[in-house]
């Protein structure tokens, strides 16, 4: 049996109990997939990130309680925060590499951390019945990205009051469903549901903003946008479209540091 240090970080917030919690394990070498999945299930958070240092940077993988996912923003932000705060990373940018999503970067400016992720390419589609039946109101437009559906609504009130049938949505064969509308005090608001991936509603979803940012940038005619995710915990994000990349900025705060026995 060995001990492994684990960190629980609240991302996209500077206050504990807000934003989106992620667990982070900095490993000396990769554990087997079954063990990483078991650790993520035991943590029972939206995502647990596992990170291994390599010559050119860090490899990173993310697990929900039930599956490995191709991209996770808040757990990458949390991982960078841990490396900056507790592992003495010396410069202001960390290079992560994901086997599924390629090169990812996180830069630090005082307490602000900025993700640099590839944009998600979306196309307009018809909404499958199993997803349509899961929502109490039909969206104005529907788009499909690499892993998620994007449902566009008329107002922030629609997003706030949405009460989807998670049992129905769990049957859909997608990572998650984003719902969004123009915001009252920010450029756009959203929520993210992924019951089929083991996360009923994700509090603040960095990766969803690789879909949301290019969409709203085109819709509003601007490259810098303010966003808010309207989950119970809530989270604020500053987003910028830079060519084929999206920069997503937020803060993070430590909730827990501990050891697990594996």
Protein backbone atom coordinates (compact mmCIF):
# COMPACT_ATOMS: atom_id res chain seq x y z
CA UNK A 1 0.00 0.00 0.00
CA UNK A 2 1.29 3.48 -0.84
CA UNK A 3 0.27 7.00 0.06
CA UNK A 4 -0.68 9.53 -2.60
CA UNK A 5 -1.16 13.22 -1.89
CA UNK A 6 -4.45 14.64 -3.12
CA UNK A 7 -5.66 18.21 -3.39
CA UNK A 8 -9.24 19.45 -3.67
CA UNK A 9 -9.40 22.85 -5.33
CA UNK A 10 -12.39 25.11 -5.98
CA UNK A 11 -11.86 26.49 -9.49
CA UNK A 12 -13.29 29.62 -11.13
CA UNK A 13 -13.75 31.27 -7.76
CA UNK A 14 -11.67 32.87 -5.00
CA UNK A 15 -14.03 31.67 -2.26
CA UNK A 16 -14.38 28.13 -0.95
CA UNK A 17 -17.74 26.45 -1.49
CA UNK A 18 -18.13 28.34 -4.78
CA UNK A 19 -17.00 27.59 -8.30
CA UNK A 20 -16.32 23.99 -9.27
CA UNK A 21 -14.41 21.55 -7.03
CA UNK A 22 -11.82 19.28 -8.62
CA UNK A 23 -9.47 16.72 -7.14
CA UNK A 24 -5.86 16.74 -8.31
CA UNK A 25 -3.25 13.98 -7.99
CA UNK A 26 0.32 14.77 -9.09
CA UNK A 27 1.86 11.39 -9.90
CA UNK A 28 5.44 10.22 -10.41
CA UNK A 29 4.18 7.77 -13.04
CA UNK A 30 0.83 6.72 -14.44
CA UNK A 31 -1.40 4.47 -12.40
CA UNK A 32 -3.45 1.88 -14.24
CA UNK A 33 -6.74 3.09 -15.70
CA UNK A 34 -8.93 1.02 -13.38
CA UNK A 35 -7.26 2.47 -10.29
CA UNK A 36 -7.60 6.06 -11.54
CA UNK A 37 -11.26 5.45 -12.29
CA UNK A 38 -11.78 3.98 -8.83
CA UNK A 39 -10.12 7.01 -7.20
CA UNK A 40 -12.37 9.35 -9.21
CA UNK A 41 -15.43 7.36 -8.21
CA UNK A 42 -14.38 7.47 -4.56
CA UNK A 43 -13.84 11.25 -4.76
CA UNK A 44 -17.31 11.61 -6.32
CA UNK A 45 -16.51 15.03 -7.78
CA UNK A 46 -17.27 16.13 -11.32
CA UNK A 47 -13.64 15.47 -12.24
CA UNK A 48 -10.42 14.17 -10.79
CA UNK A 49 -7.28 15.18 -12.68
CA UNK A 50 -4.14 13.04 -12.80
CA UNK A 51 -0.89 14.70 -13.82
CA UNK A 52 2.55 13.27 -14.62
CA UNK A 53 5.60 15.46 -15.30
CA UNK A 54 7.40 14.84 -18.59
CA UNK A 55 10.48 16.47 -20.14
CA UNK A 56 8.48 19.03 -22.12
CA UNK A 57 5.73 19.67 -19.56
CA UNK A 58 2.97 17.64 -17.96
CA UNK A 59 0.62 14.97 -19.25
CA UNK A 60 -2.91 15.26 -17.90
CA UNK A 61 -5.99 13.03 -17.85
CA UNK A 62 -9.43 13.59 -16.34
CA UNK A 63 -11.99 11.17 -14.89
CA UNK A 64 -15.59 11.71 -13.78
CA UNK A 65 -16.99 9.22 -11.24
CA UNK A 66 -17.90 6.93 -14.16
CA UNK A 67 -15.77 7.65 -17.26
CA UNK A 68 -12.60 9.25 -18.59
CA UNK A 69 -13.31 12.47 -20.51
CA UNK A 70 -11.46 14.08 -23.41
CA UNK A 71 -11.21 17.57 -21.94
CA UNK A 72 -11.87 19.32 -18.64
CA UNK A 73 -11.26 23.00 -18.02
CA UNK A 74 -11.82 23.46 -14.31
CA UNK A 75 -9.70 20.45 -13.33
CA UNK A 76 -6.89 21.72 -15.59
CA UNK A 77 -7.12 25.11 -13.90
CA UNK A 78 -7.04 23.35 -10.52
CA UNK A 79 -4.02 21.27 -11.57
CA UNK A 80 -2.11 24.38 -12.63
CA UNK A 81 -3.00 26.04 -9.34
CA UNK A 82 -1.55 23.07 -7.44
CA UNK A 83 1.65 23.09 -9.51
CA UNK A 84 2.12 26.83 -9.03
CA UNK A 85 1.25 26.88 -5.33
CA UNK A 86 2.67 23.61 -4.01
CA UNK A 87 5.20 22.26 -6.52
CA UNK A 88 7.19 25.42 -7.19
CA UNK A 89 6.59 25.66 -10.94
CA UNK A 90 9.10 28.33 -11.85
CA UNK A 91 7.72 30.28 -14.83
CA UNK A 92 4.32 31.83 -15.50
CA UNK A 93 3.06 29.25 -18.02
CA UNK A 94 2.46 25.52 -17.69
CA UNK A 95 2.31 23.28 -20.76
CA UNK A 96 -0.08 20.35 -20.40
CA UNK A 97 -0.54 17.63 -22.99
CA UNK A 98 -3.70 15.56 -23.28
CA UNK A 99 -3.74 12.38 -25.39
CA UNK A 100 -7.29 13.35 -26.44
CA UNK A 101 -7.09 17.15 -26.78
CA UNK A 102 -3.47 17.95 -27.59
CA UNK A 103 -1.53 20.92 -26.26
CA UNK A 104 -3.12 22.91 -23.44
CA UNK A 105 -1.61 25.85 -21.59
CA UNK A 106 -2.30 27.66 -18.33
CA UNK A 107 -0.68 31.01 -17.58
CA UNK A 108 -0.56 32.91 -14.30
CA UNK A 109 -0.89 36.65 -13.74
CA UNK A 110 -0.88 37.27 -9.99
CA UNK A 111 -3.94 35.31 -8.78
CA UNK A 112 -5.60 35.03 -12.19
CA UNK A 113 -5.14 31.79 -14.12
CA UNK A 114 -5.85 31.61 -17.85
CA UNK A 115 -6.56 28.44 -19.80
CA UNK A 116 -5.48 28.36 -23.45
CA UNK A 117 -7.53 25.64 -25.18
CA UNK A 118 -8.44 24.80 -28.80
CA UNK A 119 -11.85 25.99 -29.97
CA UNK A 120 -14.66 23.50 -30.36
CA UNK A 121 -16.09 23.35 -33.89
CA UNK A 122 -19.88 23.30 -33.92
CA UNK A 123 -22.56 22.80 -36.54
CA UNK A 124 -26.30 23.46 -36.49
CA UNK A 125 -28.34 20.28 -36.04
CA UNK A 126 -31.79 19.01 -35.16
CA UNK A 127 -32.17 18.07 -31.52
CA UNK A 128 -32.58 14.32 -30.90
CA UNK A 129 -35.87 13.41 -29.28
CA UNK A 130 -34.25 11.85 -26.23
CA UNK A 131 -32.67 15.21 -25.38
CA UNK A 132 -35.63 17.36 -26.45
CA UNK A 133 -37.93 15.34 -24.20
CA UNK A 134 -35.60 15.98 -21.27
CA UNK A 135 -36.22 19.74 -21.25
CA UNK A 136 -39.34 21.64 -20.30
CA UNK A 137 -38.91 24.24 -23.06
CA UNK A 138 -37.81 23.89 -26.66
CA UNK A 139 -34.64 25.86 -27.56
CA UNK A 140 -34.42 28.49 -30.29
CA UNK A 141 -31.36 26.85 -31.90
CA UNK A 142 -29.36 23.65 -31.45
CA UNK A 143 -25.70 22.99 -32.28
CA UNK A 144 -23.46 19.95 -31.92
CA UNK A 145 -19.77 20.16 -31.01
CA UNK A 146 -17.13 17.48 -30.60
CA UNK A 147 -18.67 16.02 -27.46
CA UNK A 148 -21.61 18.23 -26.39
CA UNK A 149 -24.90 19.66 -27.61
CA UNK A 150 -25.45 23.42 -27.33
CA UNK A 151 -29.04 24.58 -26.78
CA UNK A 152 -29.70 28.30 -27.24
CA UNK A 153 -32.58 29.97 -25.39
CA UNK A 154 -34.25 33.36 -25.44
CA UNK A 155 -33.38 34.74 -22.01
CA UNK A 156 -31.38 34.31 -18.82
CA UNK A 157 -34.64 33.48 -17.05
CA UNK A 158 -35.01 30.41 -19.28
CA UNK A 159 -31.60 29.20 -18.12
CA UNK A 160 -32.26 29.93 -14.45
CA UNK A 161 -35.65 28.19 -14.43
CA UNK A 162 -34.71 25.18 -16.54
CA UNK A 163 -35.49 21.95 -14.69
CA UNK A 164 -34.47 19.09 -16.99
CA UNK A 165 -35.45 15.48 -16.52
CA UNK A 166 -32.04 14.01 -15.71
CA UNK A 167 -33.30 10.44 -16.01
CA UNK A 168 -34.19 11.07 -19.66
CA UNK A 169 -30.96 12.95 -20.38
CA UNK A 170 -28.94 10.10 -18.89
CA UNK A 171 -29.98 7.95 -21.84
CA UNK A 172 -28.40 10.32 -24.39
CA UNK A 173 -25.08 9.19 -25.87
CA UNK A 174 -23.21 12.49 -25.49
CA UNK A 175 -20.79 13.79 -22.89
CA UNK A 176 -23.07 16.68 -21.94
CA UNK A 177 -25.67 19.28 -22.85
CA UNK A 178 -24.99 23.02 -22.59
CA UNK A 179 -27.89 25.46 -22.32
CA UNK A 180 -27.20 29.15 -22.86
CA UNK A 181 -28.68 32.60 -23.40
CA UNK A 182 -27.55 36.21 -23.42
CA UNK A 183 -26.95 37.44 -19.88
CA UNK A 184 -28.50 40.34 -18.02
CA UNK A 185 -25.23 41.54 -16.46
CA UNK A 186 -22.70 39.49 -18.44
CA UNK A 187 -22.42 38.70 -22.13
CA UNK A 188 -23.82 35.20 -21.77
CA UNK A 189 -24.93 32.68 -19.16
CA UNK A 190 -25.03 28.91 -19.24
CA UNK A 191 -25.61 25.65 -17.40
CA UNK A 192 -24.16 22.22 -18.15
CA UNK A 193 -25.78 18.82 -17.65
CA UNK A 194 -23.93 15.52 -18.08
CA UNK A 195 -25.86 12.75 -16.30
CA UNK A 196 -24.71 10.22 -18.91
CA UNK A 197 -21.12 10.97 -17.82
CA UNK A 198 -21.84 10.66 -14.12
CA UNK A 199 -22.38 14.40 -13.46
CA UNK A 200 -25.97 15.58 -13.17
CA UNK A 201 -25.12 19.28 -13.31
CA UNK A 202 -21.56 20.56 -13.44
CA UNK A 203 -21.08 23.75 -11.40
CA UNK A 204 -18.62 25.56 -13.71
CA UNK A 205 -17.48 23.94 -16.95
CA UNK A 206 -14.33 25.36 -18.50
CA UNK A 207 -14.39 23.02 -21.51
CA UNK A 208 -17.97 24.07 -22.38
CA UNK A 209 -16.64 27.58 -22.90
CA UNK A 210 -14.54 26.36 -25.82
CA UNK A 211 -17.96 25.89 -27.44
CA UNK A 212 -19.71 28.90 -25.93
CA UNK A 213 -16.99 31.48 -26.58
CA UNK A 214 -16.77 31.17 -30.38
CA UNK A 215 -20.56 30.95 -30.59
CA UNK A 216 -21.20 34.12 -28.60
CA UNK A 217 -18.22 35.90 -30.12
CA UNK A 218 -19.81 35.54 -33.55
CA UNK A 219 -23.30 36.33 -32.24
CA UNK A 220 -22.23 39.49 -30.37
CA UNK A 221 -19.44 40.64 -32.69
CA UNK A 222 -16.75 40.79 -29.99
CA UNK A 223 -13.78 38.63 -28.98
CA UNK A 224 -13.65 39.37 -25.25
CA UNK A 225 -16.64 38.22 -23.24
CA UNK A 226 -17.79 37.94 -19.65
CA UNK A 227 -19.64 34.78 -18.72
CA UNK A 228 -21.42 33.26 -15.75
CA UNK A 229 -22.49 29.69 -15.15
CA UNK A 230 -25.76 29.66 -13.25
CA UNK A 231 -25.40 26.50 -11.19
CA UNK A 232 -26.15 26.59 -7.48
CA UNK A 233 -22.46 27.24 -6.73
CA UNK A 234 -22.09 29.71 -9.62
CA UNK A 235 -18.89 30.71 -11.31
CA UNK A 236 -17.57 33.67 -13.29
CA UNK A 237 -15.30 33.40 -16.32
CA UNK A 238 -13.53 35.88 -18.58
CA UNK A 239 -13.32 34.47 -22.12
CA UNK A 240 -11.42 35.56 -25.21
CA UNK A 241 -11.40 34.16 -28.73
CA UNK A 242 -7.89 34.27 -30.21
CA UNK A 243 -7.92 32.69 -33.67
CA UNK A 244 -8.44 28.96 -33.23
CA UNK A 245 -7.84 29.12 -29.47
CA UNK A 246 -9.99 30.16 -26.54
CA UNK A 247 -8.59 31.80 -23.42
CA UNK A 248 -10.65 31.26 -20.29
CA UNK A 249 -9.64 33.03 -17.09
CA UNK A 250 -10.55 32.54 -13.46
CA UNK A 251 -9.19 32.12 -9.96
CA UNK A 252 -8.86 29.10 -7.69
CA UNK A 253 -8.65 28.38 -3.97
CA UNK A 254 -7.59 25.37 -1.90
CA UNK A 255 -10.27 23.51 0.04
CA UNK A 256 -8.41 20.37 1.10
CA UNK A 257 -4.98 18.73 1.11
CA UNK A 258 -4.79 15.11 2.18
CA UNK A 259 -3.45 11.62 1.52
CA UNK A 260 -5.11 8.60 0.02
CA UNK A 261 -3.95 5.00 0.54
CA UNK A 262 -3.79 2.87 -2.59
